[in-house]
Protein backbone atom coordinates (compact mmCIF):
# COMPACT_ATOMS: atom_id res chain seq x y z
CA MET A 1 35.39 -3.96 -3.83
CA SER A 2 35.91 -2.68 -0.31
CA PHE A 3 36.14 -4.12 3.20
CA ALA A 4 33.73 -3.53 6.06
CA TRP A 5 36.46 -3.89 8.74
CA PRO A 6 39.86 -3.25 7.12
CA LEU A 7 41.60 -3.12 10.52
CA ALA A 8 41.18 -6.90 10.63
CA PHE A 9 44.25 -7.16 8.35
CA LEU A 10 46.36 -6.27 11.39
CA LEU A 11 45.79 -9.90 12.43
CA LEU A 12 47.82 -11.23 9.48
CA PRO A 13 51.23 -11.31 11.29
CA VAL A 14 49.83 -12.99 14.41
CA PRO A 15 51.09 -16.54 13.46
CA LEU A 16 54.59 -15.17 12.82
CA LEU A 17 54.59 -13.39 16.18
CA ILE A 18 53.54 -16.61 17.91
CA ARG A 19 56.44 -18.50 16.29
CA LEU A 20 58.88 -15.86 17.53
CA LEU A 21 57.82 -16.37 21.13
CA PRO A 22 60.18 -18.52 23.22
CA PRO A 23 58.89 -22.05 23.81
CA ALA A 24 57.28 -22.58 27.18
CA SER A 25 59.25 -24.73 29.60
CA VAL A 26 57.46 -27.92 30.64
CA GLN A 27 58.15 -29.77 33.88
CA THR A 28 57.35 -33.48 33.74
CA GLY A 29 57.38 -36.01 36.46
CA LEU A 30 58.24 -38.94 34.14
CA ARG A 31 61.57 -39.27 32.38
CA VAL A 32 61.41 -41.06 29.03
CA PRO A 33 64.42 -41.92 26.84
CA GLU A 34 64.66 -39.51 23.94
CA HIS A 35 64.99 -42.23 21.27
CA ILE A 36 61.46 -43.46 21.94
CA PHE A 37 59.83 -40.33 20.45
CA ALA A 38 62.54 -39.43 17.99
CA GLY A 39 60.87 -41.25 15.07
CA VAL A 40 57.43 -39.88 15.78
CA THR A 41 58.64 -36.30 16.00
CA ALA A 42 60.61 -36.60 12.79
CA GLU A 43 57.61 -38.12 10.98
CA ARG A 44 55.31 -35.32 12.15
CA ARG A 45 57.74 -32.63 11.14
CA ALA A 46 58.20 -34.19 7.73
CA GLY A 47 54.44 -34.29 7.17
CA ARG A 48 53.83 -30.70 8.14
CA SER A 49 53.64 -27.89 5.63
CA TRP A 50 53.33 -24.26 6.57
CA LEU A 51 51.82 -23.25 3.22
CA PRO A 52 48.26 -24.63 3.64
CA ALA A 53 48.04 -23.35 7.21
CA GLY A 54 49.34 -19.93 6.21
CA LEU A 55 46.93 -19.70 3.29
CA ALA A 56 44.02 -20.74 5.52
CA TRP A 57 44.93 -18.02 8.00
CA VAL A 58 45.13 -15.34 5.27
CA LEU A 59 41.73 -16.36 3.89
CA LEU A 60 40.23 -16.38 7.39
CA VAL A 61 41.48 -12.82 8.00
CA ILE A 62 40.06 -11.71 4.64
CA ALA A 63 36.68 -13.18 5.63
CA ILE A 64 36.82 -11.35 8.98
CA ALA A 65 37.63 -8.08 7.14
CA GLY A 66 34.28 -8.40 5.34
CA PRO A 67 34.87 -8.05 1.58
CA GLN A 68 31.90 -6.38 -0.11
CA VAL A 69 30.85 -4.89 -3.43
CA SER A 70 28.45 -2.02 -4.10
CA ARG A 71 25.29 -2.77 -6.06
CA THR A 72 22.09 -0.96 -7.00
CA SER A 73 18.59 -2.27 -6.48
CA ASP A 74 15.78 -2.03 -9.02
CA MET A 75 13.30 -2.04 -6.14
CA LEU A 76 12.25 1.46 -5.12
CA PRO A 77 12.63 2.12 -1.39
CA ALA A 78 9.59 3.24 0.57
CA SER A 79 9.18 7.01 0.65
CA GLY A 80 7.66 7.15 4.14
CA ARG A 81 4.53 8.85 2.81
CA ASP A 82 0.89 7.72 3.02
CA ILE A 83 -1.63 9.26 0.62
CA VAL A 84 -5.39 8.73 0.64
CA LEU A 85 -7.48 9.80 -2.34
CA ALA A 86 -10.99 10.80 -1.25
CA ILE A 87 -13.16 10.86 -4.39
CA ASP A 88 -16.71 12.13 -4.62
CA LEU A 89 -19.06 9.60 -6.31
CA SER A 90 -22.26 11.61 -5.98
CA GLY A 91 -24.83 11.65 -8.79
CA SER A 92 -23.51 14.93 -10.23
CA MET A 93 -20.25 13.22 -11.22
CA ARG A 94 -22.24 11.65 -14.07
CA LYS A 95 -22.64 15.02 -15.80
CA GLU A 96 -20.80 15.22 -19.14
CA ASP A 97 -19.33 18.71 -19.15
CA PHE A 98 -15.69 17.77 -19.83
CA HIS A 99 -14.26 17.24 -23.31
CA LEU A 100 -11.49 14.90 -24.38
CA ASP A 101 -10.35 14.67 -28.02
CA GLY A 102 -13.44 16.59 -29.04
CA GLN A 103 -15.82 14.18 -27.31
CA PRO A 104 -17.83 14.95 -24.15
CA ILE A 105 -16.97 12.80 -21.14
CA SER A 106 -18.38 12.68 -17.62
CA ARG A 107 -16.68 14.29 -14.67
CA LEU A 108 -16.02 10.84 -13.24
CA ASP A 109 -14.30 9.64 -16.43
CA ALA A 110 -12.13 12.74 -16.42
CA VAL A 111 -11.20 12.11 -12.80
CA LYS A 112 -10.43 8.46 -13.49
CA ARG A 113 -8.08 9.42 -16.30
CA SER A 114 -6.12 11.86 -14.14
CA ALA A 115 -6.28 10.02 -10.80
CA SER A 116 -5.25 6.65 -12.25
CA ARG A 117 -2.16 8.19 -13.83
CA PHE A 118 -1.30 10.04 -10.63
CA VAL A 119 -1.63 6.86 -8.55
CA ALA A 120 0.37 4.69 -10.95
CA ALA A 121 3.31 7.10 -10.67
CA ARG A 122 3.43 6.95 -6.85
CA ARG A 123 5.67 3.89 -6.56
CA GLY A 124 7.32 4.08 -3.16
CA ASP A 125 4.26 5.71 -1.56
CA ARG A 126 1.47 3.88 0.23
CA ILE A 127 -1.80 4.80 -1.45
CA GLY A 128 -5.37 4.30 -0.28
CA LEU A 129 -8.73 5.11 -1.87
CA ALA A 130 -11.78 6.40 0.00
CA ILE A 131 -14.98 7.05 -1.94
CA PHE A 132 -18.05 8.82 -0.68
CA GLY A 133 -21.60 9.73 -1.67
CA ASP A 134 -24.25 9.57 1.04
CA ARG A 135 -21.85 7.30 2.88
CA ALA A 136 -18.09 6.88 2.86
CA TYR A 137 -16.03 3.72 2.78
CA PHE A 138 -12.55 2.52 1.83
CA ALA A 139 -12.41 1.00 -1.63
CA GLN A 140 -8.71 0.22 -1.26
CA PRO A 141 -6.70 0.19 1.99
CA LEU A 142 -3.26 1.78 2.18
CA THR A 143 -0.89 -0.30 0.09
CA PHE A 144 2.34 -0.11 -1.92
CA ASP A 145 0.52 -1.88 -4.77
CA VAL A 146 -0.26 1.28 -6.71
CA ASP A 147 -1.51 -0.75 -9.69
CA ALA A 148 -4.27 -2.22 -7.49
CA VAL A 149 -5.29 1.29 -6.37
CA ALA A 150 -5.31 2.52 -9.98
CA ARG A 151 -7.62 -0.39 -10.89
CA ALA A 152 -9.89 0.48 -7.97
CA VAL A 153 -10.11 4.06 -9.27
CA ASP A 154 -11.00 2.81 -12.76
CA GLU A 155 -13.67 0.47 -11.38
CA ALA A 156 -15.39 3.12 -9.20
CA GLN A 157 -19.06 3.56 -10.12
CA ILE A 158 -21.57 6.24 -9.26
CA GLY A 159 -24.33 5.11 -6.92
CA ILE A 160 -22.50 2.42 -4.95
CA SER A 161 -22.17 4.83 -2.01
CA GLY A 162 -25.35 6.82 -2.57
CA ARG A 163 -25.96 9.92 -4.64
CA GLY A 164 -25.51 12.59 -1.97
CA THR A 165 -22.28 14.43 -1.13
CA ALA A 166 -20.94 13.70 2.35
CA ILE A 167 -17.59 15.47 2.06
CA SER A 168 -17.01 15.55 5.82
CA ASP A 169 -17.67 11.80 6.07
CA GLY A 170 -15.14 11.07 3.32
CA LEU A 171 -12.61 13.30 5.05
CA GLY A 172 -13.32 11.75 8.44
CA LEU A 173 -12.80 8.23 7.15
CA ALA A 174 -9.50 9.17 5.51
CA ILE A 175 -8.37 10.99 8.67
CA LYS A 176 -9.24 7.99 10.84
CA ARG A 177 -7.11 5.67 8.71
CA LEU A 178 -4.16 8.09 8.46
CA ALA A 179 -4.25 8.99 12.15
CA ALA A 180 -3.38 5.36 12.93
CA SER A 181 -0.46 5.45 10.46
CA GLU A 182 3.13 5.93 11.66
CA ALA A 183 4.30 7.37 8.32
CA PRO A 184 6.29 10.63 8.66
CA THR A 185 4.18 12.26 5.91
CA ARG A 186 0.42 11.78 5.60
CA VAL A 187 -1.64 13.41 2.86
CA ILE A 188 -5.30 13.50 1.78
CA VAL A 189 -6.25 14.48 -1.77
CA LEU A 190 -9.95 15.41 -1.67
CA LEU A 191 -11.86 15.68 -4.95
CA SER A 192 -15.47 16.86 -5.06
CA ASP A 193 -17.84 18.48 -7.52
CA GLY A 194 -20.63 19.47 -5.15
CA VAL A 195 -21.70 20.83 -1.80
CA ASP A 196 -21.49 18.95 1.49
CA THR A 197 -25.16 18.03 1.87
CA THR A 198 -25.29 14.90 4.04
CA GLY A 199 -22.18 15.13 6.23
CA LYS A 200 -22.75 14.92 9.98
CA VAL A 201 -20.09 17.58 10.75
CA ARG A 202 -18.70 20.56 8.87
CA ALA A 203 -15.88 19.82 6.45
CA ALA A 204 -13.88 22.65 8.02
CA ASP A 205 -14.08 20.94 11.43
CA ALA A 206 -12.77 17.72 9.85
CA ALA A 207 -9.88 19.72 8.34
CA ARG A 208 -9.00 21.11 11.79
CA LEU A 209 -8.96 17.56 13.13
CA ALA A 210 -6.63 16.50 10.32
CA ALA A 211 -4.25 19.37 11.08
CA SER A 212 -4.15 18.35 14.75
CA HIS A 213 -2.89 14.91 13.62
CA GLY A 214 -0.31 16.40 11.25
CA ILE A 215 -2.26 15.36 8.14
CA ARG A 216 -2.07 17.63 5.08
CA ILE A 217 -5.11 18.09 2.83
CA HIS A 218 -5.18 19.15 -0.85
CA THR A 219 -8.62 19.86 -2.33
CA ILE A 220 -9.78 19.75 -5.96
CA ALA A 221 -12.99 21.60 -6.85
CA LEU A 222 -14.29 19.93 -10.01
CA GLY A 223 -16.81 21.42 -12.43
CA PRO A 224 -17.32 24.49 -14.62
CA GLU A 225 -19.72 26.17 -12.19
CA ASP A 226 -19.28 27.19 -8.57
CA LEU A 227 -21.55 28.67 -5.92
CA GLU A 228 -19.67 31.95 -5.86
CA ASN A 229 -20.57 32.68 -9.49
CA GLN A 230 -23.72 30.56 -9.88
CA PRO A 231 -25.38 30.44 -6.45
CA ASN A 232 -28.59 28.94 -7.84
CA SER A 233 -26.95 26.21 -9.92
CA ARG A 234 -27.85 22.70 -8.87
CA ASP A 235 -24.50 21.16 -9.85
CA ALA A 236 -22.20 23.97 -8.71
CA VAL A 237 -19.22 23.12 -6.53
CA ASP A 238 -18.64 24.83 -3.20
CA THR A 239 -15.17 26.22 -3.98
CA LYS A 240 -15.20 28.46 -0.91
CA ALA A 241 -15.67 25.50 1.44
CA LEU A 242 -12.97 23.47 -0.32
CA ARG A 243 -10.52 26.39 -0.14
CA GLU A 244 -11.20 26.63 3.58
CA VAL A 245 -10.57 22.89 4.00
CA ALA A 246 -7.24 23.14 2.16
CA SER A 247 -6.22 26.21 4.15
CA LEU A 248 -7.03 24.61 7.50
CA GLY A 249 -5.42 21.34 6.36
CA GLY A 250 -2.14 23.00 5.36
CA GLY A 251 -2.55 22.07 1.70
CA THR A 252 -3.41 23.64 -1.65
CA ALA A 253 -6.83 24.23 -3.25
CA PHE A 254 -7.17 23.51 -6.97
CA ARG A 255 -9.94 24.72 -9.30
CA VAL A 256 -10.63 22.41 -12.23
CA ARG A 257 -13.10 23.46 -14.97
CA ASP A 258 -11.92 21.39 -17.94
CA MET A 259 -9.38 18.78 -19.01
CA ASN A 260 -6.61 21.37 -19.35
CA ASP A 261 -7.13 22.43 -15.74
CA LEU A 262 -7.16 18.75 -14.73
CA GLU A 263 -3.82 18.08 -16.44
CA ALA A 264 -2.30 21.22 -14.89
CA MET A 265 -3.62 20.19 -11.48
CA ALA A 266 -1.98 16.75 -11.74
CA ALA A 267 1.36 18.33 -12.66
CA SER A 268 1.13 20.80 -9.77
CA LEU A 269 0.22 18.01 -7.36
CA ASP A 270 3.29 16.07 -8.50
CA GLN A 271 5.42 19.06 -7.55
CA LEU A 272 3.74 19.45 -4.16
CA GLU A 273 4.11 15.73 -3.43
CA PRO A 274 7.27 14.78 -5.40
CA ASN A 275 7.28 11.43 -7.13
CA PRO A 276 9.60 9.05 -5.23
CA ALA A 277 10.48 7.37 -8.54
CA GLU A 278 12.55 10.45 -9.38
CA ARG A 279 14.97 9.72 -6.55
CA PRO A 280 18.24 7.89 -7.30
CA PRO A 281 18.10 4.08 -7.05
CA MET A 282 18.85 2.48 -3.72
CA ARG A 283 22.49 1.34 -3.30
CA TYR A 284 23.52 -1.46 -0.96
CA TRP A 285 26.55 -3.59 -0.09
CA HIS A 286 26.68 -7.25 -1.11
CA SER A 287 28.88 -9.20 1.31
CA LEU A 288 31.45 -11.73 -0.04
CA TRP A 289 32.94 -13.00 3.24
CA PHE A 290 31.42 -16.46 2.72
CA TRP A 291 33.79 -17.44 -0.11
CA PRO A 292 37.18 -16.89 1.61
CA GLY A 293 35.68 -18.25 4.82
CA ALA A 294 34.54 -21.44 3.07
CA VAL A 295 37.95 -22.01 1.41
CA ALA A 296 39.71 -21.42 4.75
CA LEU A 297 37.45 -24.00 6.40
CA ILE A 298 38.21 -26.57 3.67
CA LEU A 299 41.95 -26.00 4.03
CA MET A 300 41.81 -26.43 7.81
CA MET A 301 39.85 -29.67 7.39
CA LEU A 302 42.51 -30.96 4.98
CA ILE A 303 45.28 -30.03 7.42
CA CYS A 304 43.53 -31.92 10.22
CA TRP A 305 42.99 -34.95 7.95
CA ARG A 306 46.66 -35.07 6.97
CA ARG A 307 47.78 -34.89 10.56
CA GLU A 308 45.54 -37.78 11.51
């Protein structure tokens, strides 16, 4: 236990100091025989007790001093960071070129596995989900309810936003939402497996806009093939464009070809954007002034009742 204002204990001797002061002289215009009030004064003095009044004063001073105890909260404090996941839901995300436990899985299923785990561990962050194909829209607004965002990631389906790849539109929507945020740290995690085919502006221009708003962008190029090595491949990812977006956005570009790369990417992203759950629990002071204050009030009420 400690006290918020320990100097308040200097008030303890105040009643004693008041008793030591000389009584004030009173001038009256009416002379009354002393024997008239002799009985009343004696009765009052007999009924008085300094102990309850003194105890009430001590308790009142303790309440003023603010007794408090330190406690820890299980609730994680807000980190002051807003993160928007921008996930590509174009038709190529249906391709099954990832393997998990010896079984082929689609790119989207691989992303869901990694992204859901990443989101669920972001307690203390505000997370939002933007998905894009031909068009972009918010599937989940910025929220501290990371479980709801993880469910939204799991429920994402190819085709609900078209089958094209409008990377710049997905970025623009995420930037628009984060630009209105007052969070000290704002981050976009962009995941795509294709080439920006239907965006109205260049993805690099969107990244410059994000940087002007202080928004950091990490990009994840998903798929075993890329345009640099397979320029004629239909499902190749434009790694060069995504590296440029990350560079202009002040973030990091990741290259993911299989599940091992995906797991390594998630671990690296955790280091770049540290998990707020790893911080020590929030400590706070629980005030106890009410209890001595309440007892002091009861004692003063009893003193007044006895005097009446």
